[in-house]
N, C-alpha and C. Protein backbone atom coordinates (compact mmCIF):
# COMPACT_ATOMS: atom_id res chain seq x y z
N MET A 1 0.86 -0.99 0.01
CA MET A 1 -0.35 0.05 -0.01
C MET A 1 0.91 1.41 -0.03
N SER A 2 0.61 2.15 -0.66
CA SER A 2 1.14 3.23 -1.04
C SER A 2 1.24 4.03 0.20
N ASP A 3 2.27 5.11 0.63
CA ASP A 3 2.09 5.88 1.72
C ASP A 3 0.95 7.08 1.53
N LEU A 4 0.45 7.18 0.42
CA LEU A 4 -0.55 8.11 0.10
C LEU A 4 -1.75 7.72 0.23
N ARG A 5 -1.74 6.43 -0.10
CA ARG A 5 -3.36 5.23 -0.09
C ARG A 5 -3.17 5.39 1.81
N GLU A 6 -2.37 5.11 2.33
CA GLU A 6 -2.44 5.10 3.76
C GLU A 6 -2.98 6.16 4.33
N LEU A 7 -2.20 7.53 3.87
CA LEU A 7 -2.86 8.83 4.49
C LEU A 7 -4.00 9.08 4.19
N LEU A 8 -4.77 8.73 3.10
CA LEU A 8 -6.15 8.92 2.58
C LEU A 8 -6.68 7.87 3.71
N ARG A 9 -6.70 6.99 3.53
CA ARG A 9 -7.25 5.94 4.77
C ARG A 9 -7.28 6.23 6.13
N GLU A 10 -6.41 7.23 6.65
CA GLU A 10 -6.48 7.41 8.06
C GLU A 10 -7.12 8.92 8.12
N LEU A 11 -7.34 9.59 6.99
CA LEU A 11 -8.35 10.90 7.26
C LEU A 11 -9.58 10.62 7.67
N ASP A 12 -9.87 11.61 8.99
CA ASP A 12 -11.30 11.44 9.40
C ASP A 12 -12.36 11.58 8.31
N VAL A 13 -13.45 11.07 8.83
CA VAL A 13 -14.60 11.92 7.59
C VAL A 13 -15.77 11.83 8.94
N PHE A 14 -16.88 12.92 8.23
CA PHE A 14 -18.23 12.67 9.50
C PHE A 14 -17.48 13.25 10.96
N ALA A 15 -16.67 13.84 11.17
CA ALA A 15 -16.42 14.69 12.46
C ALA A 15 -17.15 15.77 12.74
N GLY A 16 -17.18 15.69 14.20
CA GLY A 16 -18.10 16.98 14.68
C GLY A 16 -19.62 16.23 14.95
N TYR A 17 -20.24 17.27 14.88
CA TYR A 17 -21.42 17.17 15.05
C TYR A 17 -22.45 17.33 13.58
N LEU A 18 -23.09 16.13 13.43
CA LEU A 18 -23.60 16.21 12.37
C LEU A 18 -25.25 16.18 12.74
N PRO A 19 -26.26 17.21 11.79
CA PRO A 19 -27.54 17.08 11.96
C PRO A 19 -28.55 15.95 12.04
N GLY A 20 -29.47 16.17 12.30
CA GLY A 20 -30.39 14.98 11.82
C GLY A 20 -31.02 15.19 10.72
N PHE A 21 -31.98 14.01 10.33
CA PHE A 21 -32.67 14.24 9.11
C PHE A 21 -34.05 13.74 9.32
N ASP A 22 -34.94 14.47 9.75
CA ASP A 22 -36.41 13.63 9.88
C ASP A 22 -37.23 13.20 8.71
N VAL A 23 -37.08 12.46 8.20
CA VAL A 23 -37.94 12.16 6.99
C VAL A 23 -39.56 12.12 6.87
N ALA A 24 -39.97 12.04 8.14
CA ALA A 24 -41.08 11.67 8.81
C ALA A 24 -41.77 13.36 8.29
N SER A 25 -41.06 14.47 8.06
CA SER A 25 -41.92 15.60 7.96
C SER A 25 -41.24 16.36 6.86
N LEU A 26 -41.25 15.64 5.38
CA LEU A 26 -40.79 16.19 4.51
C LEU A 26 -41.62 17.19 3.94
N PRO A 27 -41.40 18.25 3.42
CA PRO A 27 -41.91 19.30 2.94
C PRO A 27 -42.51 18.67 1.03
N ALA A 28 -43.80 18.78 0.44
CA ALA A 28 -43.86 18.49 -0.53
C ALA A 28 -43.03 18.80 -1.89
N ASP A 29 -42.30 19.87 -1.98
CA ASP A 29 -41.27 20.54 -2.29
C ASP A 29 -39.95 20.73 -2.07
N PRO A 30 -39.17 19.65 -3.09
CA PRO A 30 -37.79 19.48 -2.92
C PRO A 30 -37.09 21.12 -2.82
N HIS A 31 -37.88 22.06 -3.66
CA HIS A 31 -36.85 23.59 -3.38
C HIS A 31 -37.00 23.70 -1.61
N GLU A 32 -38.15 23.83 -1.09
CA GLU A 32 -38.20 24.03 0.22
C GLU A 32 -37.24 23.65 1.24
N LEU A 33 -36.91 22.12 0.82
CA LEU A 33 -35.86 21.79 1.61
C LEU A 33 -34.73 21.99 1.05
N PHE A 34 -34.38 22.48 -0.05
CA PHE A 34 -33.09 22.83 -0.29
C PHE A 34 -32.86 24.19 0.37
N VAL A 35 -33.77 24.85 0.51
CA VAL A 35 -33.44 25.89 0.80
C VAL A 35 -33.03 25.82 2.43
N GLU A 36 -34.20 25.27 3.23
CA GLU A 36 -33.42 24.92 4.51
C GLU A 36 -32.41 24.38 4.86
N TRP A 37 -31.94 23.56 4.16
CA TRP A 37 -30.70 22.80 4.14
C TRP A 37 -29.53 23.90 3.81
N LEU A 38 -29.75 24.87 2.74
CA LEU A 38 -28.68 25.79 2.64
C LEU A 38 -28.49 26.73 3.56
N LEU A 39 -29.90 27.36 4.49
CA LEU A 39 -29.72 28.16 5.26
C LEU A 39 -28.93 27.48 6.56
N ALA A 40 -29.34 26.29 6.87
CA ALA A 40 -28.61 25.79 7.79
C ALA A 40 -27.09 25.67 7.76
N ALA A 41 -26.51 25.43 6.56
CA ALA A 41 -24.99 25.82 6.16
C ALA A 41 -24.67 27.14 6.40
N VAL A 42 -25.30 27.92 5.96
CA VAL A 42 -24.97 29.39 6.24
C VAL A 42 -24.78 29.35 7.36
N ARG A 43 -25.78 29.06 8.74
CA ARG A 43 -25.97 29.17 9.95
C ARG A 43 -24.91 28.65 10.68
N ALA A 44 -24.43 27.65 10.00
CA ALA A 44 -23.49 26.88 11.02
C ALA A 44 -21.91 27.06 10.54
N GLY A 45 -21.75 28.26 9.63
CA GLY A 45 -20.43 28.93 9.05
C GLY A 45 -19.78 28.08 8.04
N VAL A 46 -20.39 27.31 7.43
CA VAL A 46 -19.94 26.46 6.09
C VAL A 46 -19.47 27.54 5.43
N ARG A 47 -18.05 27.34 4.93
CA ARG A 47 -17.39 28.42 3.75
C ARG A 47 -18.07 27.87 2.70
N GLU A 48 -18.53 29.48 1.78
CA GLU A 48 -18.93 29.30 0.25
C GLU A 48 -20.31 28.12 0.22
N PRO A 49 -21.20 28.24 1.27
CA PRO A 49 -22.24 27.06 0.99
C PRO A 49 -23.23 27.37 -0.22
N HIS A 50 -22.80 28.41 -0.92
CA HIS A 50 -23.71 28.59 -2.33
C HIS A 50 -22.92 27.95 -3.17
N ALA A 51 -21.70 27.59 -3.23
CA ALA A 51 -20.76 26.84 -4.10
C ALA A 51 -21.50 25.11 -4.77
N MET A 52 -21.69 25.31 -5.92
CA MET A 52 -21.85 23.86 -6.55
C MET A 52 -21.05 23.54 -7.69
N THR A 53 -20.99 22.44 -7.70
CA THR A 53 -20.61 21.54 -9.01
C THR A 53 -21.35 22.03 -10.25
N LEU A 54 -21.18 22.37 -11.04
CA LEU A 54 -21.72 22.32 -12.40
C LEU A 54 -21.68 21.10 -13.34
N SER A 55 -22.06 19.95 -13.72
CA SER A 55 -21.78 19.15 -14.50
C SER A 55 -22.45 18.95 -16.00
N THR A 56 -21.99 19.05 -16.83
CA THR A 56 -22.67 19.31 -18.39
C THR A 56 -21.98 18.21 -18.83
N LEU A 57 -22.69 17.70 -20.32
CA LEU A 57 -21.97 17.28 -21.37
C LEU A 57 -21.07 17.97 -22.34
N GLY A 58 -19.90 17.52 -22.22
CA GLY A 58 -19.14 18.32 -23.02
C GLY A 58 -19.37 18.12 -24.76
N GLU A 59 -18.72 19.04 -25.45
CA GLU A 59 -18.78 19.00 -26.80
C GLU A 59 -18.30 17.75 -27.55
N ASP A 60 -17.24 16.90 -27.02
CA ASP A 60 -17.05 15.73 -27.13
C ASP A 60 -17.55 14.37 -26.52
N GLY A 61 -18.64 14.72 -26.37
CA GLY A 61 -19.40 13.75 -25.16
C GLY A 61 -19.12 13.31 -23.84
N ASP A 62 -17.84 13.81 -23.62
CA ASP A 62 -17.39 13.32 -22.20
C ASP A 62 -18.15 14.37 -21.37
N PRO A 63 -18.31 13.90 -19.89
CA PRO A 63 -18.70 15.00 -18.83
C PRO A 63 -17.50 16.26 -18.76
N SER A 64 -18.32 17.23 -18.41
CA SER A 64 -17.38 18.37 -18.21
C SER A 64 -17.91 19.02 -16.51
N ALA A 65 -17.42 19.08 -15.38
CA ALA A 65 -17.67 19.34 -14.64
C ALA A 65 -16.62 21.07 -14.02
N ARG A 66 -17.50 21.72 -13.33
CA ARG A 66 -16.54 23.06 -12.88
C ARG A 66 -17.55 23.56 -11.51
N VAL A 67 -16.98 23.99 -10.55
CA VAL A 67 -17.80 24.68 -9.73
C VAL A 67 -17.95 26.29 -9.76
N LEU A 68 -19.05 26.27 -9.44
CA LEU A 68 -19.47 27.91 -9.82
C LEU A 68 -20.37 28.07 -8.47
N ILE A 69 -21.11 29.34 -8.46
CA ILE A 69 -22.33 30.12 -7.51
C ILE A 69 -23.73 29.85 -7.94
N VAL A 70 -24.28 29.17 -7.44
CA VAL A 70 -25.82 29.27 -7.56
C VAL A 70 -26.09 30.56 -6.97
N LYS A 71 -27.06 31.37 -7.84
CA LYS A 71 -27.40 33.05 -7.60
C LYS A 71 -28.92 33.12 -7.02
N ASP A 72 -29.57 31.78 -7.39
CA ASP A 72 -30.75 32.19 -6.49
C ASP A 72 -31.67 30.93 -6.58
N VAL A 73 -32.60 30.62 -6.06
CA VAL A 73 -33.55 29.42 -5.62
C VAL A 73 -34.50 29.41 -5.84
N THR A 74 -35.58 29.25 -6.56
CA THR A 74 -36.92 29.69 -6.83
C THR A 74 -37.74 28.55 -7.22
N PRO A 75 -39.26 28.60 -7.01
CA PRO A 75 -39.98 27.76 -7.69
C PRO A 75 -39.69 27.04 -8.82
N ASP A 76 -39.34 28.14 -9.64
CA ASP A 76 -38.82 27.89 -10.99
C ASP A 76 -37.86 26.64 -10.84
N GLY A 77 -36.71 26.83 -10.32
CA GLY A 77 -35.41 26.07 -10.23
C GLY A 77 -34.57 26.56 -9.45
N TRP A 78 -33.19 26.05 -10.06
CA TRP A 78 -31.86 26.97 -9.60
C TRP A 78 -31.02 27.83 -10.77
N HIS A 79 -30.59 29.04 -10.14
CA HIS A 79 -30.42 29.75 -11.54
C HIS A 79 -29.09 30.02 -11.07
N PHE A 80 -28.53 30.06 -12.00
CA PHE A 80 -26.78 30.50 -12.34
C PHE A 80 -26.68 31.51 -13.62
N ALA A 81 -25.34 31.48 -13.85
CA ALA A 81 -25.06 32.52 -14.86
C ALA A 81 -23.84 32.24 -15.56
N ALA A 82 -23.25 32.46 -16.63
CA ALA A 82 -22.66 31.83 -17.45
C ALA A 82 -22.29 32.58 -18.69
N ASP A 83 -21.22 32.98 -19.18
CA ASP A 83 -20.90 33.55 -20.67
C ASP A 83 -21.17 32.33 -21.76
N SER A 84 -22.33 33.08 -22.43
CA SER A 84 -23.24 31.77 -23.41
C SER A 84 -21.86 31.30 -24.59
N THR A 85 -21.18 32.46 -24.51
CA THR A 85 -19.87 32.09 -25.72
C THR A 85 -18.73 31.28 -25.44
N GLY A 86 -18.95 30.73 -24.11
CA GLY A 86 -17.94 30.15 -23.39
C GLY A 86 -18.10 28.81 -23.13
N ARG A 87 -17.29 27.54 -22.70
CA ARG A 87 -17.26 26.38 -22.88
C ARG A 87 -18.70 25.67 -22.02
N LYS A 88 -19.32 26.58 -20.68
CA LYS A 88 -20.45 26.43 -20.47
C LYS A 88 -21.20 26.57 -21.31
N GLY A 89 -21.26 27.69 -21.96
CA GLY A 89 -22.51 28.20 -22.44
C GLY A 89 -22.86 27.26 -24.00
N ARG A 90 -21.53 26.90 -24.78
CA ARG A 90 -21.53 26.27 -25.73
C ARG A 90 -22.02 24.55 -25.18
N GLU A 91 -21.66 24.24 -24.30
CA GLU A 91 -22.37 22.99 -23.92
C GLU A 91 -23.65 22.82 -23.49
N LEU A 92 -24.11 23.85 -22.98
CA LEU A 92 -25.48 23.66 -22.60
C LEU A 92 -26.30 24.22 -23.75
N ALA A 93 -26.16 24.72 -24.78
CA ALA A 93 -27.04 24.88 -25.76
C ALA A 93 -26.96 23.66 -26.78
N ALA A 94 -25.67 23.02 -26.63
CA ALA A 94 -25.92 21.50 -27.86
C ALA A 94 -26.70 20.61 -26.82
N HIS A 95 -26.50 20.59 -25.41
CA HIS A 95 -26.99 19.56 -24.63
C HIS A 95 -27.84 20.63 -23.57
N PRO A 96 -28.94 21.08 -23.41
CA PRO A 96 -29.39 21.79 -22.58
C PRO A 96 -29.95 21.16 -21.23
N ALA A 97 -29.26 20.01 -20.71
CA ALA A 97 -29.22 19.22 -19.15
C ALA A 97 -28.16 19.19 -18.51
N ALA A 98 -28.47 19.53 -17.16
CA ALA A 98 -27.12 19.34 -16.25
C ALA A 98 -27.08 18.54 -15.06
N ALA A 99 -26.32 18.67 -14.12
CA ALA A 99 -26.54 17.98 -12.74
C ALA A 99 -25.57 19.15 -12.28
N LEU A 100 -26.22 19.60 -11.03
CA LEU A 100 -25.91 20.40 -9.94
C LEU A 100 -25.66 19.55 -8.77
N THR A 101 -24.40 19.76 -8.15
CA THR A 101 -24.09 18.80 -6.67
C THR A 101 -23.65 19.76 -5.85
N PHE A 102 -24.14 19.93 -4.71
CA PHE A 102 -23.77 20.61 -3.46
C PHE A 102 -23.28 19.72 -2.45
N TYR A 103 -22.29 20.39 -1.78
CA TYR A 103 -21.75 19.35 -0.30
C TYR A 103 -20.92 20.38 0.38
N TRP A 104 -21.66 20.37 1.83
CA TRP A 104 -21.66 20.61 2.93
C TRP A 104 -21.00 20.13 4.00
N SER A 105 -19.28 19.99 3.86
CA SER A 105 -18.87 18.92 4.33
C SER A 105 -18.66 18.95 6.22
N PRO A 106 -19.04 20.12 6.77
CA PRO A 106 -19.41 19.96 8.30
C PRO A 106 -20.36 19.39 8.67
N LEU A 107 -21.29 19.61 8.01
CA LEU A 107 -22.49 18.60 7.83
C LEU A 107 -22.77 17.38 7.51
N ALA A 108 -21.84 16.99 6.98
CA ALA A 108 -22.31 15.76 5.94
C ALA A 108 -23.43 15.87 5.00
N ARG A 109 -23.63 16.93 4.58
CA ARG A 109 -24.80 16.96 3.77
C ARG A 109 -24.62 16.90 2.34
N GLN A 110 -25.30 16.48 1.70
CA GLN A 110 -25.20 16.34 0.01
C GLN A 110 -26.42 16.62 -1.02
N VAL A 111 -26.39 17.41 -1.84
CA VAL A 111 -27.46 17.49 -2.56
C VAL A 111 -27.10 17.31 -4.32
N ARG A 112 -28.00 16.37 -4.50
CA ARG A 112 -27.87 16.10 -5.97
C ARG A 112 -29.03 16.63 -6.98
N ILE A 113 -28.94 17.35 -7.93
CA ILE A 113 -30.03 17.62 -8.66
C ILE A 113 -29.60 17.43 -10.38
N ARG A 114 -30.77 16.80 -11.01
CA ARG A 114 -30.79 16.88 -12.39
C ARG A 114 -32.15 17.33 -13.10
N GLY A 115 -31.71 18.06 -14.23
CA GLY A 115 -32.24 18.73 -14.71
C GLY A 115 -32.41 19.18 -16.30
N ARG A 116 -33.42 19.90 -16.54
CA ARG A 116 -33.13 20.92 -18.01
C ARG A 116 -32.86 22.00 -17.71
N VAL A 117 -31.63 23.04 -18.44
CA VAL A 117 -31.49 24.19 -18.44
C VAL A 117 -31.89 25.15 -19.33
N SER A 118 -32.37 26.01 -19.06
CA SER A 118 -32.97 27.28 -20.17
C SER A 118 -32.46 28.31 -19.74
N PRO A 119 -31.58 29.33 -20.98
CA PRO A 119 -31.36 30.56 -20.74
C PRO A 119 -32.58 31.66 -19.97
N GLY A 120 -32.20 32.98 -19.88
CA GLY A 120 -33.33 33.68 -19.01
C GLY A 120 -32.64 35.09 -20.04
N THR A 121 -33.56 35.81 -19.87
CA THR A 121 -33.77 37.11 -20.95
C THR A 121 -32.56 37.59 -21.12
N ALA A 122 -31.95 38.51 -21.70
CA ALA A 122 -31.15 39.38 -21.84
C ALA A 122 -31.48 40.17 -20.88
N ASP A 123 -32.37 41.20 -20.58
CA ASP A 123 -31.94 42.07 -19.18
C ASP A 123 -31.65 41.28 -18.35
N ALA A 124 -32.40 40.39 -17.77
CA ALA A 124 -31.86 39.40 -16.70
C ALA A 124 -30.78 38.92 -16.48
N GLY A 125 -30.21 38.27 -17.63
CA GLY A 125 -28.54 38.35 -17.29
C GLY A 125 -27.57 39.70 -17.34
N ALA A 126 -28.08 41.00 -18.28
CA ALA A 126 -27.46 42.26 -17.71
C ALA A 126 -27.41 42.81 -16.39
N ALA A 127 -28.88 42.55 -15.89
CA ALA A 127 -28.80 42.61 -14.23
C ALA A 127 -27.78 42.09 -13.58
N ASP A 128 -27.43 40.16 -13.77
CA ASP A 128 -27.13 40.06 -13.12
C ASP A 128 -25.31 40.12 -13.35
N PHE A 129 -25.05 40.75 -14.52
CA PHE A 129 -23.41 41.45 -14.55
C PHE A 129 -23.20 42.10 -14.18
N LEU A 130 -24.19 43.46 -13.85
CA LEU A 130 -23.78 44.40 -13.32
C LEU A 130 -24.21 44.19 -11.66
N ALA A 131 -24.42 43.29 -11.39
CA ALA A 131 -24.42 43.30 -9.45
C ALA A 131 -22.77 42.45 -9.55
N ARG A 132 -22.13 41.70 -10.10
CA ARG A 132 -21.06 40.91 -9.96
C ARG A 132 -19.87 42.84 -9.61
N SER A 133 -18.98 41.78 -8.57
CA SER A 133 -17.95 42.91 -8.11
C SER A 133 -17.28 43.27 -9.89
N PRO A 134 -16.41 44.33 -9.50
CA PRO A 134 -15.54 45.16 -10.86
C PRO A 134 -14.81 44.02 -11.41
N GLY A 135 -14.28 43.35 -10.58
CA GLY A 135 -13.00 42.25 -10.69
C GLY A 135 -13.81 41.14 -11.89
N ALA A 136 -14.77 40.77 -11.07
CA ALA A 136 -15.55 39.38 -11.84
C ALA A 136 -16.24 40.72 -13.34
N ARG A 137 -16.35 41.62 -13.48
CA ARG A 137 -16.65 42.22 -14.48
C ARG A 137 -15.85 42.48 -15.62
N ALA A 138 -14.65 42.64 -15.03
CA ALA A 138 -13.58 42.81 -15.97
C ALA A 138 -12.97 41.52 -16.79
N GLU A 139 -12.76 40.68 -15.73
CA GLU A 139 -13.02 39.06 -16.26
C GLU A 139 -13.71 38.95 -17.36
N ALA A 140 -15.28 38.84 -16.89
CA ALA A 140 -16.07 38.53 -17.75
C ALA A 140 -15.95 39.21 -19.13
N LEU A 141 -16.24 40.24 -19.19
CA LEU A 141 -16.35 41.19 -20.01
C LEU A 141 -15.05 41.00 -21.47
N LEU A 142 -13.88 39.99 -21.21
CA LEU A 142 -13.22 39.78 -21.75
C LEU A 142 -13.62 38.59 -22.90
N ALA A 143 -14.61 37.65 -22.08
CA ALA A 143 -14.95 36.73 -22.91
C ALA A 143 -14.14 35.38 -23.09
N ARG A 144 -12.94 35.37 -22.44
CA ARG A 144 -12.07 34.43 -23.33
C ARG A 144 -11.54 33.30 -22.40
N GLN A 145 -12.83 32.87 -21.44
CA GLN A 145 -12.51 31.61 -20.28
C GLN A 145 -12.22 30.71 -21.50
N SER A 146 -11.53 29.62 -20.78
CA SER A 146 -11.12 28.06 -21.20
C SER A 146 -10.31 28.38 -22.52
N THR A 147 -9.78 29.75 -22.90
CA THR A 147 -9.19 29.66 -24.29
C THR A 147 -7.61 29.72 -23.99
N PRO A 148 -6.90 29.24 -24.55
CA PRO A 148 -5.15 29.22 -24.32
C PRO A 148 -4.71 30.81 -24.06
N LEU A 149 -3.75 30.74 -23.11
CA LEU A 149 -3.06 31.68 -22.49
C LEU A 149 -1.90 31.86 -22.66
N ALA A 150 -0.98 32.56 -23.40
CA ALA A 150 0.00 32.83 -23.39
C ALA A 150 0.96 32.55 -22.14
N ASP A 151 0.49 33.68 -21.54
CA ASP A 151 1.72 33.82 -20.01
C ASP A 151 0.64 34.67 -19.15
N LEU A 152 1.13 34.70 -17.66
CA LEU A 152 0.04 35.78 -16.72
C LEU A 152 0.39 36.95 -17.21
N THR A 153 1.42 37.73 -17.50
CA THR A 153 1.36 38.42 -17.89
C THR A 153 0.16 39.28 -19.01
N ALA A 154 0.08 38.82 -19.75
CA ALA A 154 -1.15 38.93 -21.09
C ALA A 154 -2.80 38.59 -20.46
N ARG A 155 -2.73 37.79 -19.52
CA ARG A 155 -4.09 37.67 -18.91
C ARG A 155 -3.97 39.16 -17.75
N ASP A 156 -2.97 39.63 -17.26
CA ASP A 156 -3.41 40.95 -16.17
C ASP A 156 -3.20 42.11 -17.03
N ALA A 157 -2.47 42.35 -18.12
CA ALA A 157 -2.65 43.24 -18.79
C ALA A 157 -4.12 43.26 -19.86
N ALA A 158 -4.59 42.37 -19.79
CA ALA A 158 -6.08 42.20 -20.62
C ALA A 158 -7.15 42.61 -19.73
N ILE A 159 -7.34 42.36 -18.21
CA ILE A 159 -7.96 42.26 -17.41
C ILE A 159 -8.01 44.06 -16.89
N ALA A 160 -6.66 44.37 -16.98
CA ALA A 160 -6.37 45.67 -16.80
C ALA A 160 -7.23 46.95 -17.49
N SER A 161 -7.27 46.04 -18.82
CA SER A 161 -7.36 46.83 -19.90
C SER A 161 -8.99 46.90 -19.79
N SER A 162 -9.62 46.00 -19.22
CA SER A 162 -11.12 45.39 -19.33
C SER A 162 -11.79 46.39 -18.16
N ALA A 163 -10.68 46.74 -17.08
CA ALA A 163 -11.29 47.56 -16.09
C ALA A 163 -11.11 48.71 -16.22
N ALA A 164 -10.20 49.36 -16.91
CA ALA A 164 -10.18 50.83 -17.45
C ALA A 164 -11.55 51.10 -18.19
N ARG A 165 -11.97 50.02 -19.13
CA ARG A 165 -12.71 50.34 -19.71
C ARG A 165 -14.07 50.10 -19.27
N LEU A 166 -14.36 49.66 -18.24
CA LEU A 166 -15.28 49.41 -17.59
C LEU A 166 -15.86 50.50 -16.58
N ALA A 167 -14.44 51.26 -16.25
CA ALA A 167 -14.54 52.34 -15.27
C ALA A 167 -15.12 53.39 -16.23
N ALA A 168 -14.73 53.63 -17.20
CA ALA A 168 -15.22 54.55 -18.34
C ALA A 168 -16.60 54.63 -19.06
N GLU A 169 -17.22 53.19 -18.89
CA GLU A 169 -18.50 52.60 -19.57
C GLU A 169 -18.85 51.62 -17.86
N PRO A 170 -19.41 52.39 -17.29
CA PRO A 170 -19.88 51.58 -16.02
C PRO A 170 -21.37 50.57 -16.34
N GLY A 171 -21.85 50.89 -17.30
CA GLY A 171 -23.05 50.54 -17.58
C GLY A 171 -23.06 48.99 -18.76
N LEU A 172 -21.57 49.04 -19.24
CA LEU A 172 -21.33 48.24 -20.17
C LEU A 172 -21.42 46.75 -19.61
N VAL A 173 -22.12 45.96 -20.63
CA VAL A 173 -22.28 44.43 -20.05
C VAL A 173 -21.54 43.44 -20.99
N ALA A 174 -21.37 42.13 -20.86
CA ALA A 174 -20.90 41.51 -21.52
C ALA A 174 -21.84 41.03 -22.56
N PRO A 175 -21.91 40.82 -23.72
CA PRO A 175 -23.02 40.77 -25.02
C PRO A 175 -23.30 39.06 -24.25
N GLY A 176 -22.29 38.14 -24.23
CA GLY A 176 -23.21 36.89 -24.04
C GLY A 176 -23.24 36.47 -22.67
N TRP A 177 -23.15 37.36 -21.43
CA TRP A 177 -23.67 37.35 -20.27
C TRP A 177 -24.84 36.55 -20.33
N THR A 178 -25.14 35.37 -19.60
CA THR A 178 -26.47 34.66 -19.54
C THR A 178 -26.86 34.31 -18.32
N GLY A 179 -27.93 34.44 -17.67
CA GLY A 179 -28.76 33.73 -16.39
C GLY A 179 -29.36 32.42 -17.17
N TYR A 180 -28.80 31.32 -16.22
CA TYR A 180 -29.52 30.21 -16.49
C TYR A 180 -30.43 29.72 -15.55
N THR A 181 -31.64 28.77 -16.12
CA THR A 181 -32.30 28.30 -14.88
C THR A 181 -32.35 26.49 -15.01
N LEU A 182 -31.68 25.88 -13.61
CA LEU A 182 -31.95 24.61 -13.93
C LEU A 182 -33.34 23.90 -13.47
N ARG A 183 -34.58 23.76 -14.13
CA ARG A 183 -35.62 22.93 -13.71
C ARG A 183 -35.19 21.47 -13.32
N ALA A 184 -35.33 21.38 -12.14
CA ALA A 184 -35.27 20.01 -11.57
C ALA A 184 -35.95 18.58 -11.98
N GLN A 185 -35.27 17.41 -12.52
CA GLN A 185 -36.40 16.44 -12.59
C GLN A 185 -36.21 15.75 -11.71
N SER A 186 -35.08 15.57 -10.94
CA SER A 186 -34.81 14.68 -9.56
C SER A 186 -33.98 15.79 -8.57
N VAL A 187 -34.21 15.28 -7.40
CA VAL A 187 -33.64 16.05 -6.30
C VAL A 187 -33.46 15.34 -5.18
N GLU A 188 -31.61 14.94 -5.21
CA GLU A 188 -31.71 13.96 -4.01
C GLU A 188 -30.74 14.36 -2.75
N PHE A 189 -31.55 14.29 -1.51
CA PHE A 189 -31.12 14.91 0.04
C PHE A 189 -29.83 13.71 0.32
N TRP A 190 -28.88 13.91 0.68
CA TRP A 190 -28.03 12.77 1.49
C TRP A 190 -27.95 13.29 2.44
N GLN A 191 -27.90 12.49 4.15
CA GLN A 191 -27.39 13.14 5.06
C GLN A 191 -26.56 11.93 5.66
N GLY A 192 -25.34 12.15 5.79
CA GLY A 192 -24.17 11.27 6.30
C GLY A 192 -24.39 10.77 7.48
N ASP A 193 -23.40 9.46 7.90
CA ASP A 193 -23.51 9.32 9.43
C ASP A 193 -22.58 8.59 9.60
N ARG A 194 -21.74 8.35 10.73
CA ARG A 194 -20.38 8.00 11.37
C ARG A 194 -20.59 6.87 11.23
N ASP A 195 -21.37 5.77 11.25
CA ASP A 195 -21.73 4.44 11.11
C ASP A 195 -22.30 4.05 9.99
N ARG A 196 -22.48 4.94 8.99
CA ARG A 196 -22.65 4.78 7.38
C ARG A 196 -24.16 4.36 7.39
N ARG A 197 -24.80 4.97 8.27
CA ARG A 197 -26.31 4.58 7.97
C ARG A 197 -26.76 6.03 7.66
N HIS A 198 -26.15 5.97 6.45
CA HIS A 198 -26.72 7.51 5.51
C HIS A 198 -28.22 7.25 5.24
N THR A 199 -28.86 8.70 5.22
CA THR A 199 -30.36 9.04 4.77
C THR A 199 -30.62 9.43 3.72
N ARG A 200 -31.10 8.75 2.40
CA ARG A 200 -31.10 9.61 1.29
C ARG A 200 -32.73 9.55 0.67
N VAL A 201 -33.08 10.76 0.42
CA VAL A 201 -34.06 10.99 0.05
C VAL A 201 -34.41 11.30 -1.18
N VAL A 202 -35.07 10.98 -2.17
CA VAL A 202 -35.04 11.40 -3.64
C VAL A 202 -36.44 11.59 -3.70
N TYR A 203 -36.44 13.26 -4.58
CA TYR A 203 -38.09 13.52 -4.95
C TYR A 203 -37.46 13.58 -6.77
N THR A 204 -38.61 13.00 -7.33
CA THR A 204 -38.90 13.13 -8.47
C THR A 204 -40.11 13.70 -9.29
N HIS A 205 -39.65 14.14 -10.22
CA HIS A 205 -41.07 15.08 -10.71
C HIS A 205 -41.76 14.21 -11.90
N THR A 206 -43.25 14.20 -11.87
CA THR A 206 -44.09 13.55 -12.59
C THR A 206 -44.85 14.67 -12.97
N ASP A 207 -45.99 13.90 -13.79
CA ASP A 207 -47.11 14.55 -14.52
C ASP A 207 -47.92 15.47 -13.37
N GLU A 208 -47.96 14.45 -12.42
CA GLU A 208 -48.66 14.74 -11.64
C GLU A 208 -48.18 15.49 -10.08
N GLY A 209 -46.94 16.07 -10.27
CA GLY A 209 -46.25 16.60 -9.19
C GLY A 209 -45.33 15.98 -8.93
N TRP A 210 -44.99 16.46 -7.51
CA TRP A 210 -43.34 15.78 -7.14
C TRP A 210 -43.98 14.22 -6.00
N LYS A 211 -42.95 13.55 -6.42
CA LYS A 211 -43.04 12.35 -5.39
C LYS A 211 -41.70 12.18 -4.93
N ARG A 212 -41.87 11.63 -3.88
CA ARG A 212 -40.59 11.33 -2.77
C ARG A 212 -40.51 9.82 -2.12
N GLY A 213 -39.44 9.35 -2.29
CA GLY A 213 -39.00 8.28 -1.53
C GLY A 213 -37.33 8.23 -0.77
N LEU A 214 -37.33 6.81 -0.27
CA LEU A 214 -36.20 6.48 0.22
C LEU A 214 -35.51 5.98 -0.48
N LEU A 215 -33.68 6.06 -0.53
CA LEU A 215 -33.17 5.05 -1.05
C LEU A 215 -31.96 4.52 -0.31
N TRP A 216 -31.60 3.46 -0.70
CA TRP A 216 -30.58 2.57 0.05
C TRP A 216 -28.86 3.33 0.11
N PRO A 217 -28.59 3.70 1.01
CA PRO A 217 -27.15 4.22 1.33
C PRO A 217 -26.21 3.84 0.22
C-alpha cells in the first residue's frame, strides 16, 4: 500500500456534530427543503455554502464539470450565470441538461440535482452582470474563459485594460452574459452518518407533481 493511500485511509470523515434528518416531516416540494438545508449551512458557518459543481455534457460527449455559484433558488429552479459563448454556454446550447452537486462537509450533507437548463432574458443577464464585483465584470467582459493563455502577464494586462474600459463605461455588459435556470427532474438529499447509516431521500418530478421516496445508502 502506498504512503498516499495509507494517509487517505487514515483521514477522518463525518467528524463533529452532524444534524439529524427527519424524513417523517418532509415538505412536498424539494425547493423548500433545499433552502432549509442551505440556510442551515449558512448558520453553521460553512464556507461558500452557495458553491456547487455544475456538470454538463462536453462537446466531445464526455462529462465536463466545474464549481460555480448558485445565484438564487425559486419554485422555477436553481439559477446561475455564465457566458453563453464560453465552454459552459456552448455545452448547454448543444445539450440543455445538467447536474448540480452541493456538499456541505461540516454537516455531512449533499444534494444532487438533475434537470433541463434554459437561458433567461437578456435583461436578466444584464442585471446579473452589473451586480457582479468590478474584478468579476472585468474578467467576464474579455469573454476568453477556457481559451489558451500565453502567459500570466498577458492575463493581467488584458484584465487591467478591461477594468479601465468598465470604469469609463460603468453600464457596459458582456454581450454573451446569460442567466440560466435548471428546472429539476430529480433532487436527492443525502445526510451522512458516522456508522454509515446514511439517509437518502429522492424527489422525482412527474406529471402529477413531486413524488418522494427513500434510497438505500
